[in-house]
């Protein structure tokens, strides 16, 4: 059903590529992170709620065919549908059915509750192509609510300094705003410009989030002690930070589960929060898919594939791709 080509994963029955790495005629997109949605394709198919972010990132005039979750369409000889991956706004697993066989390409996904996007949907299949960004037993997540409570306590614990929380601009930042809203936080949270441009699409999708405002809208002399600011990792130690006097800093990422990662990256505090499945989530998903054949892409693909073969008696092997995991 799917073969690896120079352009990416190609479904001949649909004459389409899933998350192609180079420009192609027809691209089926799992979500709008940069390693999965690349510019230059003639036609894009993606979940309708992801349209705003996709156009922002790829260009307002791209030829985009938005499709609701679960709606089936025929492309060539293949029945195609998109199903929630629980990763970010509009993220999807792509189901491909032809000649009595079903393949599912997971894209990036998570099983944890996330108030900022639709929950993961189990999609039974014969062959499953799964990510493995955090495909090692050391990766086991706390509930997002618990992490948000720890972040709130860290922020509120020092009202004399600005609290700079670094997180990925698309997905993680909006999840944090939604988790804090669910905790009853009513304080206005300040956003780096890169975070603000994506957050407005979540607000248009009516995702409940804590109130926020771009830092750029504040007067230059506005006191910032006691304020929480969300910014992408690229802003860390940049000239943008000069505005904040003696801030306390933290990073929210699944990589904070690795001993020494916070110190190496130069943050005072690390919060373990990921928009990818942890080890138990990966195993649960593969088992529930019922797949007899599993291909494992990016991250710890060798580790997970070997475990599936040796401990789960599942025919599994790594599949080399250009997807990068949690780096956007």
C-alpha atoms as a PDB file:
ATOM      1  CA  UNK A   1       0.000   0.000   0.000  1.00  0.00           C
ATOM      2  CA  UNK A   2       2.760   2.483   0.957  1.00  0.00           C
ATOM      3  CA  UNK A   3       6.310   2.661  -0.325  1.00  0.00           C
ATOM      4  CA  UNK A   4       9.214   4.883   0.621  1.00  0.00           C
ATOM      5  CA  UNK A   5      10.323   7.160  -2.222  1.00  0.00           C
ATOM      6  CA  UNK A   6      12.716  10.074  -2.506  1.00  0.00           C
ATOM      7  CA  UNK A   7       9.752  12.387  -1.886  1.00  0.00           C
ATOM      8  CA  UNK A   8       8.468  10.471   1.146  1.00  0.00           C
ATOM      9  CA  UNK A   9       5.812   7.868   1.908  1.00  0.00           C
ATOM     10  CA  UNK A  10       3.834   7.216  -1.294  1.00  0.00           C
ATOM     11  CA  UNK A  11       0.452   5.506  -1.595  1.00  0.00           C
ATOM     12  CA  UNK A  12       0.184   4.321  -5.195  1.00  0.00           C
ATOM     13  CA  UNK A  13      -3.524   3.455  -4.901  1.00  0.00           C
ATOM     14  CA  UNK A  14      -4.317   7.086  -3.983  1.00  0.00           C
ATOM     15  CA  UNK A  15      -1.499   8.590  -6.055  1.00  0.00           C
ATOM     16  CA  UNK A  16      -0.624  10.683  -2.992  1.00  0.00           C
ATOM     17  CA  UNK A  17       2.190  11.153  -0.520  1.00  0.00           C
ATOM     18  CA  UNK A  18       1.684  11.299   3.249  1.00  0.00           C
ATOM     19  CA  UNK A  19       3.617  14.214   4.798  1.00  0.00           C
ATOM     20  CA  UNK A  20       6.032  14.396   1.817  1.00  0.00           C
ATOM     21  CA  UNK A  21       9.549  15.673   2.327  1.00  0.00           C
ATOM     22  CA  UNK A  22       9.706  17.376  -1.079  1.00  0.00           C
ATOM     23  CA  UNK A  23       7.095  19.083  -3.312  1.00  0.00           C
ATOM     24  CA  UNK A  24       4.650  16.608  -4.872  1.00  0.00           C
ATOM     25  CA  UNK A  25       1.387  16.749  -6.793  1.00  0.00           C
ATOM     26  CA  UNK A  26      -0.872  15.574  -3.949  1.00  0.00           C
ATOM     27  CA  UNK A  27       0.039  15.696  -0.237  1.00  0.00           C
ATOM     28  CA  UNK A  28      -1.962  14.178   2.615  1.00  0.00           C
ATOM     29  CA  UNK A  29      -0.953  16.101   5.754  1.00  0.00           C
ATOM     30  CA  UNK A  30      -1.168  14.710   9.292  1.00  0.00           C
ATOM     31  CA  UNK A  31      -0.585  18.096  10.958  1.00  0.00           C
ATOM     32  CA  UNK A  32       0.980  21.521  10.494  1.00  0.00           C
ATOM     33  CA  UNK A  33       4.342  21.085  12.233  1.00  0.00           C
ATOM     34  CA  UNK A  34       7.178  21.987   9.883  1.00  0.00           C
ATOM     35  CA  UNK A  35       8.631  18.476   9.549  1.00  0.00           C
ATOM     36  CA  UNK A  36       5.248  17.125   8.367  1.00  0.00           C
ATOM     37  CA  UNK A  37       3.868  20.028   6.307  1.00  0.00           C
ATOM     38  CA  UNK A  38       6.345  21.341   3.753  1.00  0.00           C
ATOM     39  CA  UNK A  39       5.855  24.031   1.141  1.00  0.00           C
ATOM     40  CA  UNK A  40       5.617  23.650  -2.631  1.00  0.00           C
ATOM     41  CA  UNK A  41       3.026  20.908  -3.163  1.00  0.00           C
ATOM     42  CA  UNK A  42       0.367  21.325  -5.874  1.00  0.00           C
ATOM     43  CA  UNK A  43      -2.449  20.111  -3.622  1.00  0.00           C
ATOM     44  CA  UNK A  44      -2.852  19.540   0.110  1.00  0.00           C
ATOM     45  CA  UNK A  45      -5.453  17.449   1.934  1.00  0.00           C
ATOM     46  CA  UNK A  46      -5.748  18.001   5.704  1.00  0.00           C
ATOM     47  CA  UNK A  47      -8.241  18.230   8.568  1.00  0.00           C
ATOM     48  CA  UNK A  48     -10.418  21.344   8.252  1.00  0.00           C
ATOM     49  CA  UNK A  49      -9.610  22.735  11.720  1.00  0.00           C
ATOM     50  CA  UNK A  50      -5.901  22.834  10.807  1.00  0.00           C
ATOM     51  CA  UNK A  51      -6.509  25.131   7.835  1.00  0.00           C
ATOM     52  CA  UNK A  52      -5.588  28.398   9.578  1.00  0.00           C
ATOM     53  CA  UNK A  53      -2.219  27.186  10.834  1.00  0.00           C
ATOM     54  CA  UNK A  54      -1.402  25.460   7.538  1.00  0.00           C
ATOM     55  CA  UNK A  55      -2.097  28.586   5.510  1.00  0.00           C
ATOM     56  CA  UNK A  56      -0.105  30.706   7.955  1.00  0.00           C
ATOM     57  CA  UNK A  57       2.883  28.407   7.602  1.00  0.00           C
ATOM     58  CA  UNK A  58       2.688  27.384   3.936  1.00  0.00           C
ATOM     59  CA  UNK A  59       1.018  30.437   2.373  1.00  0.00           C
ATOM     60  CA  UNK A  60      -2.509  31.786   2.224  1.00  0.00           C
ATOM     61  CA  UNK A  61      -2.998  30.724  -1.390  1.00  0.00           C
ATOM     62  CA  UNK A  62      -2.066  27.032  -1.174  1.00  0.00           C
ATOM     63  CA  UNK A  63      -4.503  24.636  -2.876  1.00  0.00           C
ATOM     64  CA  UNK A  64      -5.951  23.082   0.275  1.00  0.00           C
ATOM     65  CA  UNK A  65      -8.785  20.544   0.450  1.00  0.00           C
ATOM     66  CA  UNK A  66     -10.043  20.687   4.064  1.00  0.00           C
ATOM     67  CA  UNK A  67     -11.782  17.560   5.315  1.00  0.00           C
ATOM     68  CA  UNK A  68     -13.606  16.863   8.607  1.00  0.00           C
ATOM     69  CA  UNK A  69     -12.488  14.085  10.930  1.00  0.00           C
ATOM     70  CA  UNK A  70     -13.953  10.750   9.895  1.00  0.00           C
ATOM     71  CA  UNK A  71     -15.241  11.749   6.449  1.00  0.00           C
ATOM     72  CA  UNK A  72     -14.324   9.204   3.765  1.00  0.00           C
ATOM     73  CA  UNK A  73     -13.162  10.252   0.314  1.00  0.00           C
ATOM     74  CA  UNK A  74     -11.984   8.239  -2.668  1.00  0.00           C
ATOM     75  CA  UNK A  75      -8.658   9.188  -4.193  1.00  0.00           C
ATOM     76  CA  UNK A  76      -7.995   6.933  -7.164  1.00  0.00           C
ATOM     77  CA  UNK A  77      -8.508   3.355  -5.972  1.00  0.00           C
ATOM     78  CA  UNK A  78      -8.065   4.209  -2.270  1.00  0.00           C
ATOM     79  CA  UNK A  79     -10.572   5.170   0.429  1.00  0.00           C
ATOM     80  CA  UNK A  80      -8.993   7.855   2.617  1.00  0.00           C
ATOM     81  CA  UNK A  81     -10.079   9.310   5.956  1.00  0.00           C
ATOM     82  CA  UNK A  82      -8.524  11.425   8.696  1.00  0.00           C
ATOM     83  CA  UNK A  83      -8.848  10.528  12.398  1.00  0.00           C
ATOM     84  CA  UNK A  84      -7.773  12.508  15.454  1.00  0.00           C
ATOM     85  CA  UNK A  85      -4.228  11.961  16.693  1.00  0.00           C
ATOM     86  CA  UNK A  86      -4.533  14.057  19.872  1.00  0.00           C
ATOM     87  CA  UNK A  87      -1.214  15.771  19.096  1.00  0.00           C
ATOM     88  CA  UNK A  88      -2.088  19.407  18.295  1.00  0.00           C
ATOM     89  CA  UNK A  89      -5.023  21.332  16.798  1.00  0.00           C
ATOM     90  CA  UNK A  90      -6.154  19.494  13.661  1.00  0.00           C
ATOM     91  CA  UNK A  91      -3.653  16.640  13.947  1.00  0.00           C
ATOM     92  CA  UNK A  92      -4.667  13.400  12.292  1.00  0.00           C
ATOM     93  CA  UNK A  93      -3.886   9.797  11.639  1.00  0.00           C
ATOM     94  CA  UNK A  94      -4.483   8.977   7.997  1.00  0.00           C
ATOM     95  CA  UNK A  95      -6.383   5.773   7.179  1.00  0.00           C
ATOM     96  CA  UNK A  96      -5.849   4.270   3.727  1.00  0.00           C
ATOM     97  CA  UNK A  97      -7.951   1.349   2.467  1.00  0.00           C
ATOM     98  CA  UNK A  98      -7.505  -0.455  -0.839  1.00  0.00           C
ATOM     99  CA  UNK A  99      -7.879  -4.039  -2.070  1.00  0.00           C
ATOM    100  CA  UNK A 100      -9.269  -5.171   1.280  1.00  0.00           C
ATOM    101  CA  UNK A 101      -6.277  -3.931   3.288  1.00  0.00           C
ATOM    102  CA  UNK A 102      -6.120  -1.032   5.750  1.00  0.00           C
ATOM    103  CA  UNK A 103      -3.004   0.961   6.563  1.00  0.00           C
ATOM    104  CA  UNK A 104      -2.855   3.792   9.111  1.00  0.00           C
ATOM    105  CA  UNK A 105      -0.127   6.434   9.225  1.00  0.00           C
ATOM    106  CA  UNK A 106      -0.149   7.874  12.742  1.00  0.00           C
ATOM    107  CA  UNK A 107       1.761  11.107  12.239  1.00  0.00           C
ATOM    108  CA  UNK A 108       2.594  12.404  15.723  1.00  0.00           C
ATOM    109  CA  UNK A 109       0.133  11.455  18.464  1.00  0.00           C
ATOM    110  CA  UNK A 110      -0.475  11.267  22.201  1.00  0.00           C
ATOM    111  CA  UNK A 111      -2.906   9.435  24.448  1.00  0.00           C
ATOM    112  CA  UNK A 112      -2.975  11.906  27.359  1.00  0.00           C
ATOM    113  CA  UNK A 113      -5.908  14.257  27.919  1.00  0.00           C
ATOM    114  CA  UNK A 114      -5.321  17.651  26.310  1.00  0.00           C
ATOM    115  CA  UNK A 115      -7.993  20.380  26.580  1.00  0.00           C
ATOM    116  CA  UNK A 116      -6.612  22.174  23.515  1.00  0.00           C
ATOM    117  CA  UNK A 117      -7.314  19.528  20.859  1.00  0.00           C
ATOM    118  CA  UNK A 118      -9.515  16.568  19.982  1.00  0.00           C
ATOM    119  CA  UNK A 119      -8.644  13.309  21.777  1.00  0.00           C
ATOM    120  CA  UNK A 120      -6.877  10.400  20.111  1.00  0.00           C
ATOM    121  CA  UNK A 121      -9.087   7.967  18.193  1.00  0.00           C
ATOM    122  CA  UNK A 122      -8.135   4.300  17.932  1.00  0.00           C
ATOM    123  CA  UNK A 123      -8.234   3.193  14.267  1.00  0.00           C
ATOM    124  CA  UNK A 124      -8.053  -0.578  13.672  1.00  0.00           C
ATOM    125  CA  UNK A 125      -5.796  -1.566  10.795  1.00  0.00           C
ATOM    126  CA  UNK A 126      -3.716  -4.311   9.206  1.00  0.00           C
ATOM    127  CA  UNK A 127      -0.530  -2.240   9.017  1.00  0.00           C
ATOM    128  CA  UNK A 128       0.337   0.625  11.355  1.00  0.00           C
ATOM    129  CA  UNK A 129       3.060   3.217  10.787  1.00  0.00           C
ATOM    130  CA  UNK A 130       3.781   4.699  14.202  1.00  0.00           C
ATOM    131  CA  UNK A 131       6.036   7.409  15.493  1.00  0.00           C
ATOM    132  CA  UNK A 132       8.476   6.656  18.337  1.00  0.00           C
ATOM    133  CA  UNK A 133       9.770  10.073  19.415  1.00  0.00           C
ATOM    134  CA  UNK A 134       9.788   8.940  23.039  1.00  0.00           C
ATOM    135  CA  UNK A 135      10.027   5.209  22.378  1.00  0.00           C
ATOM    136  CA  UNK A 136      11.950   4.131  25.468  1.00  0.00           C
ATOM    137  CA  UNK A 137      10.669   2.854  28.851  1.00  0.00           C
ATOM    138  CA  UNK A 138      12.105   5.864  30.718  1.00  0.00           C
ATOM    139  CA  UNK A 139       9.458   8.117  29.166  1.00  0.00           C
ATOM    140  CA  UNK A 140       6.281   8.044  31.271  1.00  0.00           C
ATOM    141  CA  UNK A 141       4.212  11.213  31.582  1.00  0.00           C
ATOM    142  CA  UNK A 142       2.302  12.765  34.442  1.00  0.00           C
ATOM    143  CA  UNK A 143      -1.154  14.121  33.677  1.00  0.00           C
ATOM    144  CA  UNK A 144      -1.090  17.552  32.068  1.00  0.00           C
ATOM    145  CA  UNK A 145      -3.177  18.953  34.910  1.00  0.00           C
ATOM    146  CA  UNK A 146      -0.492  17.977  37.432  1.00  0.00           C
ATOM    147  CA  UNK A 147       2.244  19.612  35.356  1.00  0.00           C
ATOM    148  CA  UNK A 148       0.149  22.769  34.960  1.00  0.00           C
ATOM    149  CA  UNK A 149      -0.305  22.941  38.733  1.00  0.00           C
ATOM    150  CA  UNK A 150       3.474  22.711  39.213  1.00  0.00           C
ATOM    151  CA  UNK A 151       3.980  25.485  36.642  1.00  0.00           C
ATOM    152  CA  UNK A 152       1.412  27.680  38.375  1.00  0.00           C
ATOM    153  CA  UNK A 153       3.126  27.148  41.733  1.00  0.00           C
ATOM    154  CA  UNK A 154       6.558  27.943  40.231  1.00  0.00           C
ATOM    155  CA  UNK A 155       5.224  31.129  38.617  1.00  0.00           C
ATOM    156  CA  UNK A 156       3.244  32.301  41.650  1.00  0.00           C
ATOM    157  CA  UNK A 157       6.091  31.387  43.997  1.00  0.00           C
ATOM    158  CA  UNK A 158       8.170  34.398  42.924  1.00  0.00           C
ATOM    159  CA  UNK A 159       6.147  37.531  42.239  1.00  0.00           C
ATOM    160  CA  UNK A 160       9.201  39.787  42.145  1.00  0.00           C
ATOM    161  CA  UNK A 161      10.614  38.478  38.855  1.00  0.00           C
ATOM    162  CA  UNK A 162       9.195  37.759  35.394  1.00  0.00           C
ATOM    163  CA  UNK A 163       8.658  34.035  34.811  1.00  0.00           C
ATOM    164  CA  UNK A 164       9.805  33.020  31.339  1.00  0.00           C
ATOM    165  CA  UNK A 165       8.458  29.620  30.334  1.00  0.00           C
ATOM    166  CA  UNK A 166       9.908  28.305  27.085  1.00  0.00           C
ATOM    167  CA  UNK A 167       7.823  25.857  25.066  1.00  0.00           C
ATOM    168  CA  UNK A 168       7.119  25.004  21.445  1.00  0.00           C
ATOM    169  CA  UNK A 169       5.117  27.750  19.756  1.00  0.00           C
ATOM    170  CA  UNK A 170       2.571  25.443  18.107  1.00  0.00           C
ATOM    171  CA  UNK A 171       0.786  22.957  20.335  1.00  0.00           C
ATOM    172  CA  UNK A 172       2.653  23.099  23.617  1.00  0.00           C
ATOM    173  CA  UNK A 173       2.043  26.789  24.322  1.00  0.00           C
ATOM    174  CA  UNK A 174      -1.677  26.516  23.586  1.00  0.00           C
ATOM    175  CA  UNK A 175      -1.970  23.348  25.653  1.00  0.00           C
ATOM    176  CA  UNK A 176      -0.441  25.224  28.587  1.00  0.00           C
ATOM    177  CA  UNK A 177      -2.897  28.091  28.145  1.00  0.00           C
ATOM    178  CA  UNK A 178      -5.753  25.583  28.075  1.00  0.00           C
ATOM    179  CA  UNK A 179      -4.462  23.616  31.083  1.00  0.00           C
ATOM    180  CA  UNK A 180      -4.057  26.822  33.123  1.00  0.00           C
ATOM    181  CA  UNK A 181      -7.560  27.912  32.134  1.00  0.00           C
ATOM    182  CA  UNK A 182      -8.899  24.571  33.367  1.00  0.00           C
ATOM    183  CA  UNK A 183      -7.204  25.268  36.712  1.00  0.00           C
ATOM    184  CA  UNK A 184      -9.109  28.556  36.966  1.00  0.00           C
ATOM    185  CA  UNK A 185      -6.199  30.871  36.129  1.00  0.00           C
ATOM    186  CA  UNK A 186      -7.578  34.280  35.169  1.00  0.00           C
ATOM    187  CA  UNK A 187      -4.299  36.222  35.084  1.00  0.00           C
ATOM    188  CA  UNK A 188      -3.294  37.602  31.697  1.00  0.00           C
ATOM    189  CA  UNK A 189      -0.397  35.607  30.271  1.00  0.00           C
ATOM    190  CA  UNK A 190       2.067  37.299  27.951  1.00  0.00           C
ATOM    191  CA  UNK A 191       3.114  35.737  24.654  1.00  0.00           C
ATOM    192  CA  UNK A 192       6.124  35.979  22.379  1.00  0.00           C
ATOM    193  CA  UNK A 193       5.063  36.953  18.847  1.00  0.00           C
ATOM    194  CA  UNK A 194       5.693  33.457  17.456  1.00  0.00           C
ATOM    195  CA  UNK A 195       3.340  32.001  20.066  1.00  0.00           C
ATOM    196  CA  UNK A 196       0.683  34.659  19.500  1.00  0.00           C
ATOM    197  CA  UNK A 197       0.423  34.036  15.744  1.00  0.00           C
ATOM    198  CA  UNK A 198      -0.528  30.388  16.328  1.00  0.00           C
ATOM    199  CA  UNK A 199      -2.647  31.017  19.433  1.00  0.00           C
ATOM    200  CA  UNK A 200      -5.109  33.175  17.491  1.00  0.00           C
ATOM    201  CA  UNK A 201      -6.042  30.126  15.380  1.00  0.00           C
ATOM    202  CA  UNK A 202      -6.838  28.171  18.540  1.00  0.00           C
ATOM    203  CA  UNK A 203      -9.047  31.026  19.726  1.00  0.00           C
ATOM    204  CA  UNK A 204     -10.821  31.063  16.356  1.00  0.00           C
ATOM    205  CA  UNK A 205     -11.440  27.330  16.899  1.00  0.00           C
ATOM    206  CA  UNK A 206     -13.018  28.286  20.266  1.00  0.00           C
ATOM    207  CA  UNK A 207     -10.482  26.397  22.391  1.00  0.00           C
ATOM    208  CA  UNK A 208     -10.922  27.633  26.010  1.00  0.00           C
ATOM    209  CA  UNK A 209      -7.636  29.162  27.160  1.00  0.00           C
ATOM    210  CA  UNK A 210      -6.371  31.545  29.814  1.00  0.00           C
ATOM    211  CA  UNK A 211      -6.386  35.227  28.732  1.00  0.00           C
ATOM    212  CA  UNK A 212      -3.275  36.319  26.885  1.00  0.00           C
ATOM    213  CA  UNK A 213      -1.673  39.274  25.157  1.00  0.00           C
ATOM    214  CA  UNK A 214       1.462  39.720  23.022  1.00  0.00           C
ATOM    215  CA  UNK A 215       4.413  41.179  24.903  1.00  0.00           C
ATOM    216  CA  UNK A 216       4.779  43.645  22.029  1.00  0.00           C
ATOM    217  CA  UNK A 217       1.518  45.378  23.016  1.00  0.00           C
ATOM    218  CA  UNK A 218       2.844  46.424  26.436  1.00  0.00           C
ATOM    219  CA  UNK A 219       4.460  49.824  27.054  1.00  0.00           C
ATOM    220  CA  UNK A 220       8.240  49.496  27.156  1.00  0.00           C
ATOM    221  CA  UNK A 221       8.384  50.610  30.808  1.00  0.00           C
ATOM    222  CA  UNK A 222       5.608  48.297  32.038  1.00  0.00           C
ATOM    223  CA  UNK A 223       6.671  46.402  35.209  1.00  0.00           C
ATOM    224  CA  UNK A 224       6.889  42.677  34.479  1.00  0.00           C
ATOM    225  CA  UNK A 225       7.532  41.251  37.923  1.00  0.00           C
ATOM    226  CA  UNK A 226       5.112  38.428  38.658  1.00  0.00           C
ATOM    227  CA  UNK A 227       4.069  37.992  35.000  1.00  0.00           C
ATOM    228  CA  UNK A 228       4.165  34.659  33.159  1.00  0.00           C
ATOM    229  CA  UNK A 229       5.546  34.827  29.621  1.00  0.00           C
ATOM    230  CA  UNK A 230       5.423  31.979  27.079  1.00  0.00           C
ATOM    231  CA  UNK A 231       8.153  31.959  24.434  1.00  0.00           C
ATOM    232  CA  UNK A 232       9.663  29.490  21.945  1.00  0.00           C
ATOM    233  CA  UNK A 233      13.066  27.915  22.706  1.00  0.00           C
ATOM    234  CA  UNK A 234      14.636  30.002  19.909  1.00  0.00           C
ATOM    235  CA  UNK A 235      14.067  33.119  22.054  1.00  0.00           C
ATOM    236  CA  UNK A 236      16.197  31.767  24.911  1.00  0.00           C
ATOM    237  CA  UNK A 237      19.328  33.908  25.383  1.00  0.00           C
ATOM    238  CA  UNK A 238      18.303  36.085  22.433  1.00  0.00           C
ATOM    239  CA  UNK A 239      18.156  39.886  22.347  1.00  0.00           C
ATOM    240  CA  UNK A 240      14.382  39.582  22.911  1.00  0.00           C
ATOM    241  CA  UNK A 241      15.106  38.565  26.511  1.00  0.00           C
ATOM    242  CA  UNK A 242      16.816  41.844  27.374  1.00  0.00           C
ATOM    243  CA  UNK A 243      13.471  43.377  28.263  1.00  0.00           C
ATOM    244  CA  UNK A 244      13.062  41.014  31.230  1.00  0.00           C
ATOM    245  CA  UNK A 245      15.165  41.861  34.262  1.00  0.00           C
ATOM    246  CA  UNK A 246      16.544  38.872  36.178  1.00  0.00           C
ATOM    247  CA  UNK A 247      13.794  36.470  35.079  1.00  0.00           C
ATOM    248  CA  UNK A 248      13.309  32.969  36.381  1.00  0.00           C
ATOM    249  CA  UNK A 249      13.373  30.556  33.450  1.00  0.00           C
ATOM    250  CA  UNK A 250      11.942  27.124  32.735  1.00  0.00           C
ATOM    251  CA  UNK A 251      11.383  24.797  29.785  1.00  0.00           C
ATOM    252  CA  UNK A 252       8.327  22.550  29.267  1.00  0.00           C
ATOM    253  CA  UNK A 253       9.128  19.505  27.144  1.00  0.00           C
ATOM    254  CA  UNK A 254       9.205  15.743  27.199  1.00  0.00           C
ATOM    255  CA  UNK A 255      12.982  16.009  26.928  1.00  0.00           C
ATOM    256  CA  UNK A 256      13.050  17.325  30.489  1.00  0.00           C
ATOM    257  CA  UNK A 257      12.593  13.696  31.568  1.00  0.00           C
ATOM    258  CA  UNK A 258      16.239  13.091  30.646  1.00  0.00           C
ATOM    259  CA  UNK A 259      18.637  13.655  33.533  1.00  0.00           C
ATOM    260  CA  UNK A 260      20.771  16.744  32.976  1.00  0.00           C
ATOM    261  CA  UNK A 261      18.757  18.064  30.009  1.00  0.00           C
ATOM    262  CA  UNK A 262      17.584  21.172  31.876  1.00  0.00           C
ATOM    263  CA  UNK A 263      21.102  22.046  32.984  1.00  0.00           C
ATOM    264  CA  UNK A 264      22.611  21.484  29.539  1.00  0.00           C
ATOM    265  CA  UNK A 265      20.008  23.733  27.939  1.00  0.00           C
ATOM    266  CA  UNK A 266      20.543  26.477  30.516  1.00  0.00           C
ATOM    267  CA  UNK A 267      17.151  26.633  32.241  1.00  0.00           C
ATOM    268  CA  UNK A 268      16.568  27.008  35.978  1.00  0.00           C
ATOM    269  CA  UNK A 269      13.623  24.604  35.963  1.00  0.00           C
ATOM    270  CA  UNK A 270      12.294  21.849  33.738  1.00  0.00           C
ATOM    271  CA  UNK A 271       8.701  20.632  33.444  1.00  0.00           C
ATOM    272  CA  UNK A 272       8.050  17.285  31.763  1.00  0.00           C
ATOM    273  CA  UNK A 273       5.194  17.843  29.322  1.00  0.00           C
ATOM    274  CA  UNK A 274       5.000  16.309  25.860  1.00  0.00           C
ATOM    275  CA  UNK A 275       2.568  16.311  22.962  1.00  0.00           C
ATOM    276  CA  UNK A 276       3.796  12.848  21.952  1.00  0.00           C
ATOM    277  CA  UNK A 277       2.886   9.441  23.338  1.00  0.00           C
ATOM    278  CA  UNK A 278       5.051   8.083  26.144  1.00  0.00           C
ATOM    279  CA  UNK A 279       6.235   4.465  26.262  1.00  0.00           C
ATOM    280  CA  UNK A 280       2.992   3.050  27.727  1.00  0.00           C
ATOM    281  CA  UNK A 281       0.982   5.155  25.271  1.00  0.00           C
ATOM    282  CA  UNK A 282       2.900   3.798  22.286  1.00  0.00           C
ATOM    283  CA  UNK A 283       2.448   0.185  23.375  1.00  0.00           C
ATOM    284  CA  UNK A 284      -1.244   0.693  24.161  1.00  0.00           C
ATOM    285  CA  UNK A 285      -1.876   2.263  20.763  1.00  0.00           C
ATOM    286  CA  UNK A 286      -0.102  -0.463  18.810  1.00  0.00           C
ATOM    287  CA  UNK A 287      -1.959  -3.199  20.705  1.00  0.00           C
ATOM    288  CA  UNK A 288      -5.340  -1.505  20.225  1.00  0.00           C
ATOM    289  CA  UNK A 289      -4.740  -1.029  16.493  1.00  0.00           C
ATOM    290  CA  UNK A 290      -4.714  -4.810  16.037  1.00  0.00           C
ATOM    291  CA  UNK A 291      -2.023  -4.397  13.377  1.00  0.00           C
ATOM    292  CA  UNK A 292      -0.120  -7.508  12.355  1.00  0.00           C
ATOM    293  CA  UNK A 293       2.655  -5.428  10.820  1.00  0.00           C
ATOM    294  CA  UNK A 294       4.120  -2.273  12.367  1.00  0.00           C
ATOM    295  CA  UNK A 295       6.618   0.184  10.906  1.00  0.00           C
ATOM    296  CA  UNK A 296       8.301   2.508  13.408  1.00  0.00           C
ATOM    297  CA  UNK A 297       9.447   5.978  12.345  1.00  0.00           C
ATOM    298  CA  UNK A 298      11.701   8.626  13.909  1.00  0.00           C
ATOM    299  CA  UNK A 299      12.858   8.808  17.487  1.00  0.00           C
ATOM    300  CA  UNK A 300      13.704   5.513  19.171  1.00  0.00           C
ATOM    301  CA  UNK A 301      12.523   3.401  16.243  1.00  0.00           C
ATOM    302  CA  UNK A 302      15.063   0.585  16.693  1.00  0.00           C
ATOM    303  CA  UNK A 303      14.291   0.209  20.395  1.00  0.00           C
ATOM    304  CA  UNK A 304      10.525   0.089  19.955  1.00  0.00           C
ATOM    305  CA  UNK A 305      10.646  -2.218  16.925  1.00  0.00           C
ATOM    306  CA  UNK A 306      12.889  -4.692  18.738  1.00  0.00           C
ATOM    307  CA  UNK A 307      10.646  -4.661  21.811  1.00  0.00           C
ATOM    308  CA  UNK A 308       7.553  -5.320  19.673  1.00  0.00           C
ATOM    309  CA  UNK A 309       9.222  -8.287  18.001  1.00  0.00           C
ATOM    310  CA  UNK A 310      10.694  -9.829  21.139  1.00  0.00           C
ATOM    311  CA  UNK A 311       8.041  -9.053  23.775  1.00  0.00           C
ATOM    312  CA  UNK A 312       4.794  -8.583  21.820  1.00  0.00           C
ATOM    313  CA  UNK A 313       5.362 -11.072  18.969  1.00  0.00           C
ATOM    314  CA  UNK A 314       4.464  -8.338  16.467  1.00  0.00           C
ATOM    315  CA  UNK A 315       6.188  -8.144  13.106  1.00  0.00           C
ATOM    316  CA  UNK A 316       7.855  -4.734  13.437  1.00  0.00           C
ATOM    317  CA  UNK A 317      10.727  -2.915  11.815  1.00  0.00           C
ATOM    318  CA  UNK A 318      12.140   0.623  11.695  1.00  0.00           C
ATOM    319  CA  UNK A 319      11.220   2.852   8.756  1.00  0.00           C
ATOM    320  CA  UNK A 320      13.619   5.674   8.025  1.00  0.00           C
ATOM    321  CA  UNK A 321      11.947   9.049   7.472  1.00  0.00           C
ATOM    322  CA  UNK A 322      12.839  12.722   7.691  1.00  0.00           C
ATOM    323  CA  UNK A 323      10.363  13.443  10.482  1.00  0.00           C
ATOM    324  CA  UNK A 324      12.059  15.026  13.479  1.00  0.00           C
ATOM    325  CA  UNK A 325       9.654  14.568  16.409  1.00  0.00           C
ATOM    326  CA  UNK A 326       9.283  17.206  19.106  1.00  0.00           C
ATOM    327  CA  UNK A 327      11.486  19.970  17.766  1.00  0.00           C
ATOM    328  CA  UNK A 328       9.054  22.531  16.346  1.00  0.00           C
END
